[in-house]
Structure formats: C-alpha cells, structure tokens
C-alpha cells in the first residue's frame, strides 16, 4: 500500500537547502532531484467483514479412525489368506489340531543363520521319509523394541520361517503352511503339510 507524503516543515526545508549548497553533483548535466517529502502516518486498514463460522465444526471432515502405520498385514493374516492347496477337510482338521504330527523341530533360541540350514535339512529328510505333517516350533520371540523411531519386530525367527518355507528349494515339496493350534504352540509354531513323495 502506497503511503501519502506530506510537505516539509520550514525548518526541514531550510536544512535541505543547506545540504544542497554543499553537495557536488555526480552528474553535472542532470537536474537535481526534488526535495523529499516527509511521510505521513498511514491510515488504519478497514476491518475485514466477519467470517461466518456457523457451519464449521472442528474435525468435521477428519476420517473416523486413523488407518495407522501398519505397512503389511500380520503374519497370521498372511498365512490365512493363502489359498488352500490341500484337501479342505484335512485342512480344517489340521487347523483344529486334530491331525497327528509326524515330526517336529524346535528352533527356539537359534539365530537366523543357524536355524535356516537346520530347517532345510529337517524338511527334506521328513519328505524323504514319507511324513506328511510336521511341526516347526519357532517360539513367539522376545520383545526387542527399545522404543526407538524404527520399531523392531517381535520374533524375528517366527516371521522369517514362513518365507523360507514358501520360497526357494522347499516350495516344491510343501503343500501348506499354517499357524499351529494352541495345543501345539499356537502362534509360536507352524504346521507344515508336505506333498507325497
């Protein structure tokens, strides 16, 4: 907003004329600038019209519930969403813990590098001996999250074993992997249903 200028008072004009007499022009051919005018006080800005807030409610357009920060579904959700590749009746019996477990391996307390070869060897030998249902016990894992900015997953081995069973060399001999029934360890163990030889 441009400010209005006021004329100089007589004492200000006299001071300006004295300064003009002692100053030497930088460019002698040019006309000297006019005497400056003192600035006047700006007028106050008009008040804006009042805003109608009758239809406003705090948080009115916010979603009802936050989606959260879970980037991938839980392990049990991922396993249960897999298609059933075995007989449906046998699958129901297995999930209820009513099928006979023919072999088991306990990977409790092992590191990933120690658990992987043991698991591979166990599954291959179980398949070679004609076993159909084996139990892989991983444990539920310790809570290792120290509250830092990047959360640490509980039970690293428990989350890694299903990947090993569904990928790589074991995939052709495994029909189904699912979380074990409570009597066989619940979420700390997995049923592995093997293909026939």
C-alpha atoms as a PDB file:
ATOM      1  CA  UNK A   1       0.000   0.000   0.000  1.00  0.00           C
ATOM      2  CA  UNK A   2       1.478   3.373  -1.072  1.00  0.00           C
ATOM      3  CA  UNK A   3       1.941   5.951   1.665  1.00  0.00           C
ATOM      4  CA  UNK A   4       0.884   9.553   1.221  1.00  0.00           C
ATOM      5  CA  UNK A   5       3.660  12.091   1.532  1.00  0.00           C
ATOM      6  CA  UNK A   6       3.445  15.361   3.388  1.00  0.00           C
ATOM      7  CA  UNK A   7       5.263  18.620   2.683  1.00  0.00           C
ATOM      8  CA  UNK A   8       8.387  19.503   4.665  1.00  0.00           C
ATOM      9  CA  UNK A   9       8.132  21.844   7.598  1.00  0.00           C
ATOM     10  CA  UNK A  10      10.014  25.176   7.231  1.00  0.00           C
ATOM     11  CA  UNK A  11      12.949  24.063   9.434  1.00  0.00           C
ATOM     12  CA  UNK A  12      13.275  20.795   7.441  1.00  0.00           C
ATOM     13  CA  UNK A  13      13.210  22.733   4.127  1.00  0.00           C
ATOM     14  CA  UNK A  14      15.942  25.116   5.358  1.00  0.00           C
ATOM     15  CA  UNK A  15      18.154  22.153   6.366  1.00  0.00           C
ATOM     16  CA  UNK A  16      17.648  20.564   2.953  1.00  0.00           C
ATOM     17  CA  UNK A  17      18.676  23.748   1.150  1.00  0.00           C
ATOM     18  CA  UNK A  18      21.901  23.937   3.181  1.00  0.00           C
ATOM     19  CA  UNK A  19      22.736  20.351   2.251  1.00  0.00           C
ATOM     20  CA  UNK A  20      22.048  21.168  -1.430  1.00  0.00           C
ATOM     21  CA  UNK A  21      24.524  24.072  -1.388  1.00  0.00           C
ATOM     22  CA  UNK A  22      27.401  21.927  -0.038  1.00  0.00           C
ATOM     23  CA  UNK A  23      26.785  18.917  -2.240  1.00  0.00           C
ATOM     24  CA  UNK A  24      28.505  18.475  -5.582  1.00  0.00           C
ATOM     25  CA  UNK A  25      26.521  16.677  -8.287  1.00  0.00           C
ATOM     26  CA  UNK A  26      27.852  13.367  -9.537  1.00  0.00           C
ATOM     27  CA  UNK A  27      26.492  14.099 -12.989  1.00  0.00           C
ATOM     28  CA  UNK A  28      26.645  17.873 -13.586  1.00  0.00           C
ATOM     29  CA  UNK A  29      24.290  17.892 -16.573  1.00  0.00           C
ATOM     30  CA  UNK A  30      21.416  16.312 -14.701  1.00  0.00           C
ATOM     31  CA  UNK A  31      18.679  18.145 -12.917  1.00  0.00           C
ATOM     32  CA  UNK A  32      18.799  17.722  -9.095  1.00  0.00           C
ATOM     33  CA  UNK A  33      16.021  15.638  -7.557  1.00  0.00           C
ATOM     34  CA  UNK A  34      13.159  17.434  -5.874  1.00  0.00           C
ATOM     35  CA  UNK A  35      13.276  17.899  -2.125  1.00  0.00           C
ATOM     36  CA  UNK A  36      11.985  14.831  -0.283  1.00  0.00           C
ATOM     37  CA  UNK A  37       8.657  14.955   1.430  1.00  0.00           C
ATOM     38  CA  UNK A  38       8.223  13.502   4.866  1.00  0.00           C
ATOM     39  CA  UNK A  39       5.896  10.512   5.094  1.00  0.00           C
ATOM     40  CA  UNK A  40       2.599  10.879   6.859  1.00  0.00           C
ATOM     41  CA  UNK A  41       1.091   8.284   9.155  1.00  0.00           C
ATOM     42  CA  UNK A  42      -0.763   5.622   7.234  1.00  0.00           C
ATOM     43  CA  UNK A  43      -4.478   5.375   7.622  1.00  0.00           C
ATOM     44  CA  UNK A  44      -5.580   2.283   9.515  1.00  0.00           C
ATOM     45  CA  UNK A  45      -6.772  -0.531   7.259  1.00  0.00           C
ATOM     46  CA  UNK A  46     -10.506  -1.092   7.270  1.00  0.00           C
ATOM     47  CA  UNK A  47     -11.634  -4.051   9.361  1.00  0.00           C
ATOM     48  CA  UNK A  48     -12.423  -7.168   7.324  1.00  0.00           C
ATOM     49  CA  UNK A  49     -16.036  -8.305   7.340  1.00  0.00           C
ATOM     50  CA  UNK A  50     -16.800 -11.006   9.964  1.00  0.00           C
ATOM     51  CA  UNK A  51     -16.448 -14.630   8.790  1.00  0.00           C
ATOM     52  CA  UNK A  52     -19.497 -16.874   9.079  1.00  0.00           C
ATOM     53  CA  UNK A  53     -18.436 -19.952  11.132  1.00  0.00           C
ATOM     54  CA  UNK A  54     -21.892 -21.355  11.733  1.00  0.00           C
ATOM     55  CA  UNK A  55     -21.320 -24.443   9.510  1.00  0.00           C
ATOM     56  CA  UNK A  56     -17.831 -25.143  10.868  1.00  0.00           C
ATOM     57  CA  UNK A  57     -17.110 -27.958  13.310  1.00  0.00           C
ATOM     58  CA  UNK A  58     -13.620 -28.863  14.477  1.00  0.00           C
ATOM     59  CA  UNK A  59     -12.537 -32.196  12.936  1.00  0.00           C
ATOM     60  CA  UNK A  60     -15.776 -32.486  10.978  1.00  0.00           C
ATOM     61  CA  UNK A  61     -14.061 -33.707   7.797  1.00  0.00           C
ATOM     62  CA  UNK A  62     -11.454 -35.911   9.503  1.00  0.00           C
ATOM     63  CA  UNK A  63     -11.712 -39.672   8.938  1.00  0.00           C
ATOM     64  CA  UNK A  64     -13.444 -41.551  11.727  1.00  0.00           C
ATOM     65  CA  UNK A  65     -10.439 -43.742  12.513  1.00  0.00           C
ATOM     66  CA  UNK A  66      -6.814 -43.444  11.556  1.00  0.00           C
ATOM     67  CA  UNK A  67      -5.508 -46.125   9.204  1.00  0.00           C
ATOM     68  CA  UNK A  68      -2.424 -46.478  11.398  1.00  0.00           C
ATOM     69  CA  UNK A  69       1.097 -47.216  10.276  1.00  0.00           C
ATOM     70  CA  UNK A  70       0.968 -50.982   9.742  1.00  0.00           C
ATOM     71  CA  UNK A  71       2.599 -51.430   6.381  1.00  0.00           C
ATOM     72  CA  UNK A  72       1.806 -55.087   5.905  1.00  0.00           C
ATOM     73  CA  UNK A  73      -0.775 -57.484   7.332  1.00  0.00           C
ATOM     74  CA  UNK A  74       0.095 -59.589  10.368  1.00  0.00           C
ATOM     75  CA  UNK A  75       1.737 -62.981   9.936  1.00  0.00           C
ATOM     76  CA  UNK A  76      -1.426 -64.915  10.816  1.00  0.00           C
ATOM     77  CA  UNK A  77      -3.450 -62.824   8.322  1.00  0.00           C
ATOM     78  CA  UNK A  78      -0.920 -63.513   5.559  1.00  0.00           C
ATOM     79  CA  UNK A  79      -0.914 -67.256   6.243  1.00  0.00           C
ATOM     80  CA  UNK A  80      -4.709 -67.498   6.466  1.00  0.00           C
ATOM     81  CA  UNK A  81      -5.113 -65.548   3.209  1.00  0.00           C
ATOM     82  CA  UNK A  82      -3.084 -68.152   1.279  1.00  0.00           C
ATOM     83  CA  UNK A  83      -5.163 -70.446  -0.922  1.00  0.00           C
ATOM     84  CA  UNK A  84      -5.832 -73.931   0.449  1.00  0.00           C
ATOM     85  CA  UNK A  85      -3.781 -76.310  -1.712  1.00  0.00           C
ATOM     86  CA  UNK A  86      -4.531 -79.442   0.267  1.00  0.00           C
ATOM     87  CA  UNK A  87      -7.761 -81.356   0.897  1.00  0.00           C
ATOM     88  CA  UNK A  88     -10.212 -78.911   2.549  1.00  0.00           C
ATOM     89  CA  UNK A  89     -11.406 -81.448   5.129  1.00  0.00           C
ATOM     90  CA  UNK A  90      -7.839 -82.337   6.118  1.00  0.00           C
ATOM     91  CA  UNK A  91      -7.009 -78.618   6.273  1.00  0.00           C
ATOM     92  CA  UNK A  92      -9.846 -77.999   8.773  1.00  0.00           C
ATOM     93  CA  UNK A  93      -8.696 -80.941  10.902  1.00  0.00           C
ATOM     94  CA  UNK A  94      -5.110 -79.688  10.808  1.00  0.00           C
ATOM     95  CA  UNK A  95      -6.079 -76.159  11.874  1.00  0.00           C
ATOM     96  CA  UNK A  96      -8.088 -77.597  14.798  1.00  0.00           C
ATOM     97  CA  UNK A  97      -5.058 -79.578  15.947  1.00  0.00           C
ATOM     98  CA  UNK A  98      -6.746 -82.946  15.260  1.00  0.00           C
ATOM     99  CA  UNK A  99      -4.197 -84.354  12.805  1.00  0.00           C
ATOM    100  CA  UNK A 100      -1.264 -86.406  14.015  1.00  0.00           C
ATOM    101  CA  UNK A 101       2.056 -84.550  13.896  1.00  0.00           C
ATOM    102  CA  UNK A 102       4.659 -86.948  12.478  1.00  0.00           C
ATOM    103  CA  UNK A 103       7.770 -84.921  13.216  1.00  0.00           C
ATOM    104  CA  UNK A 104       8.843 -81.750  14.945  1.00  0.00           C
ATOM    105  CA  UNK A 105      11.802 -79.391  15.082  1.00  0.00           C
ATOM    106  CA  UNK A 106      12.396 -76.766  17.761  1.00  0.00           C
ATOM    107  CA  UNK A 107      14.267 -73.680  16.535  1.00  0.00           C
ATOM    108  CA  UNK A 108      13.911 -71.804  19.848  1.00  0.00           C
ATOM    109  CA  UNK A 109      16.841 -69.542  20.617  1.00  0.00           C
ATOM    110  CA  UNK A 110      18.708 -70.113  17.344  1.00  0.00           C
ATOM    111  CA  UNK A 111      19.998 -67.310  15.181  1.00  0.00           C
ATOM    112  CA  UNK A 112      18.719 -66.949  11.632  1.00  0.00           C
ATOM    113  CA  UNK A 113      21.988 -68.281  10.221  1.00  0.00           C
ATOM    114  CA  UNK A 114      21.842 -71.388  12.447  1.00  0.00           C
ATOM    115  CA  UNK A 115      18.099 -72.014  12.051  1.00  0.00           C
ATOM    116  CA  UNK A 116      17.935 -71.902   8.255  1.00  0.00           C
ATOM    117  CA  UNK A 117      20.140 -74.942   7.456  1.00  0.00           C
ATOM    118  CA  UNK A 118      18.546 -76.979  10.280  1.00  0.00           C
ATOM    119  CA  UNK A 119      15.068 -76.235   8.964  1.00  0.00           C
ATOM    120  CA  UNK A 120      16.040 -77.101   5.377  1.00  0.00           C
ATOM    121  CA  UNK A 121      17.621 -80.392   6.431  1.00  0.00           C
ATOM    122  CA  UNK A 122      14.652 -81.316   8.663  1.00  0.00           C
ATOM    123  CA  UNK A 123      12.013 -80.666   5.980  1.00  0.00           C
ATOM    124  CA  UNK A 124      13.948 -82.515   3.253  1.00  0.00           C
ATOM    125  CA  UNK A 125      14.527 -85.554   5.485  1.00  0.00           C
ATOM    126  CA  UNK A 126      10.860 -85.560   6.630  1.00  0.00           C
ATOM    127  CA  UNK A 127       9.717 -85.513   2.997  1.00  0.00           C
ATOM    128  CA  UNK A 128      12.201 -88.236   2.044  1.00  0.00           C
ATOM    129  CA  UNK A 129      10.890 -90.483   4.845  1.00  0.00           C
ATOM    130  CA  UNK A 130       7.265 -90.016   3.652  1.00  0.00           C
ATOM    131  CA  UNK A 131       5.984 -87.826   6.517  1.00  0.00           C
ATOM    132  CA  UNK A 132       3.023 -85.566   5.714  1.00  0.00           C
ATOM    133  CA  UNK A 133       2.548 -83.219   8.713  1.00  0.00           C
ATOM    134  CA  UNK A 134       5.473 -81.774  10.627  1.00  0.00           C
ATOM    135  CA  UNK A 135       5.613 -79.067  13.277  1.00  0.00           C
ATOM    136  CA  UNK A 136       8.166 -76.253  13.190  1.00  0.00           C
ATOM    137  CA  UNK A 137       8.475 -74.532  16.583  1.00  0.00           C
ATOM    138  CA  UNK A 138       9.920 -71.021  16.497  1.00  0.00           C
ATOM    139  CA  UNK A 139       8.658 -69.532  19.741  1.00  0.00           C
ATOM    140  CA  UNK A 140       6.877 -66.206  19.913  1.00  0.00           C
ATOM    141  CA  UNK A 141      10.094 -64.242  20.327  1.00  0.00           C
ATOM    142  CA  UNK A 142      11.232 -61.664  22.815  1.00  0.00           C
ATOM    143  CA  UNK A 143      10.047 -58.094  22.683  1.00  0.00           C
ATOM    144  CA  UNK A 144      13.215 -56.350  21.484  1.00  0.00           C
ATOM    145  CA  UNK A 145      11.685 -52.971  20.647  1.00  0.00           C
ATOM    146  CA  UNK A 146      13.537 -50.301  22.606  1.00  0.00           C
ATOM    147  CA  UNK A 147      11.061 -47.550  21.726  1.00  0.00           C
ATOM    148  CA  UNK A 148      13.251 -46.011  19.027  1.00  0.00           C
ATOM    149  CA  UNK A 149      11.927 -44.326  15.884  1.00  0.00           C
ATOM    150  CA  UNK A 150      12.017 -47.564  13.870  1.00  0.00           C
ATOM    151  CA  UNK A 151      10.058 -50.321  15.587  1.00  0.00           C
ATOM    152  CA  UNK A 152      11.648 -53.759  15.772  1.00  0.00           C
ATOM    153  CA  UNK A 153       9.521 -56.759  15.007  1.00  0.00           C
ATOM    154  CA  UNK A 154       8.902 -59.233  17.809  1.00  0.00           C
ATOM    155  CA  UNK A 155      10.023 -62.764  16.968  1.00  0.00           C
ATOM    156  CA  UNK A 156      12.367 -62.368  14.011  1.00  0.00           C
ATOM    157  CA  UNK A 157      12.636 -66.145  13.554  1.00  0.00           C
ATOM    158  CA  UNK A 158       8.850 -66.537  13.719  1.00  0.00           C
ATOM    159  CA  UNK A 159       8.466 -64.041  10.855  1.00  0.00           C
ATOM    160  CA  UNK A 160      11.311 -65.448   8.757  1.00  0.00           C
ATOM    161  CA  UNK A 161      10.424 -69.170   8.828  1.00  0.00           C
ATOM    162  CA  UNK A 162       7.239 -68.843   6.670  1.00  0.00           C
ATOM    163  CA  UNK A 163       9.308 -67.070   3.989  1.00  0.00           C
ATOM    164  CA  UNK A 164      11.842 -69.897   3.986  1.00  0.00           C
ATOM    165  CA  UNK A 165       9.067 -72.481   3.731  1.00  0.00           C
ATOM    166  CA  UNK A 166       7.218 -70.733   0.881  1.00  0.00           C
ATOM    167  CA  UNK A 167      10.234 -69.772  -1.230  1.00  0.00           C
ATOM    168  CA  UNK A 168      13.271 -71.395  -2.711  1.00  0.00           C
ATOM    169  CA  UNK A 169      14.091 -75.097  -2.676  1.00  0.00           C
ATOM    170  CA  UNK A 170      11.383 -76.078  -0.145  1.00  0.00           C
ATOM    171  CA  UNK A 171       8.470 -74.741  -2.140  1.00  0.00           C
ATOM    172  CA  UNK A 172       8.053 -77.775  -4.462  1.00  0.00           C
ATOM    173  CA  UNK A 173       7.691 -80.242  -1.552  1.00  0.00           C
ATOM    174  CA  UNK A 174       5.347 -78.186   0.683  1.00  0.00           C
ATOM    175  CA  UNK A 175       1.594 -78.038   0.135  1.00  0.00           C
ATOM    176  CA  UNK A 176       0.507 -75.819   3.029  1.00  0.00           C
ATOM    177  CA  UNK A 177       1.931 -73.747   5.879  1.00  0.00           C
ATOM    178  CA  UNK A 178      -0.352 -72.513   8.643  1.00  0.00           C
ATOM    179  CA  UNK A 179      -0.128 -71.332  12.238  1.00  0.00           C
ATOM    180  CA  UNK A 180      -0.335 -74.216  14.699  1.00  0.00           C
ATOM    181  CA  UNK A 181      -3.279 -74.906  17.014  1.00  0.00           C
ATOM    182  CA  UNK A 182      -2.928 -73.758  20.617  1.00  0.00           C
ATOM    183  CA  UNK A 183      -2.160 -77.307  21.831  1.00  0.00           C
ATOM    184  CA  UNK A 184       0.883 -77.395  19.516  1.00  0.00           C
ATOM    185  CA  UNK A 185       2.263 -73.953  20.332  1.00  0.00           C
ATOM    186  CA  UNK A 186      -0.213 -71.510  18.774  1.00  0.00           C
ATOM    187  CA  UNK A 187       1.400 -68.530  17.110  1.00  0.00           C
ATOM    188  CA  UNK A 188       4.854 -69.770  18.153  1.00  0.00           C
ATOM    189  CA  UNK A 189       4.728 -72.793  15.818  1.00  0.00           C
ATOM    190  CA  UNK A 190       3.729 -73.757  12.279  1.00  0.00           C
ATOM    191  CA  UNK A 191       2.152 -76.804  10.710  1.00  0.00           C
ATOM    192  CA  UNK A 192       3.939 -77.766   7.501  1.00  0.00           C
ATOM    193  CA  UNK A 193       1.938 -80.146   5.312  1.00  0.00           C
ATOM    194  CA  UNK A 194       4.219 -81.920   2.846  1.00  0.00           C
ATOM    195  CA  UNK A 195       3.461 -83.327  -0.600  1.00  0.00           C
ATOM    196  CA  UNK A 196       3.549 -87.059  -1.214  1.00  0.00           C
ATOM    197  CA  UNK A 197       6.840 -88.463  -2.443  1.00  0.00           C
END
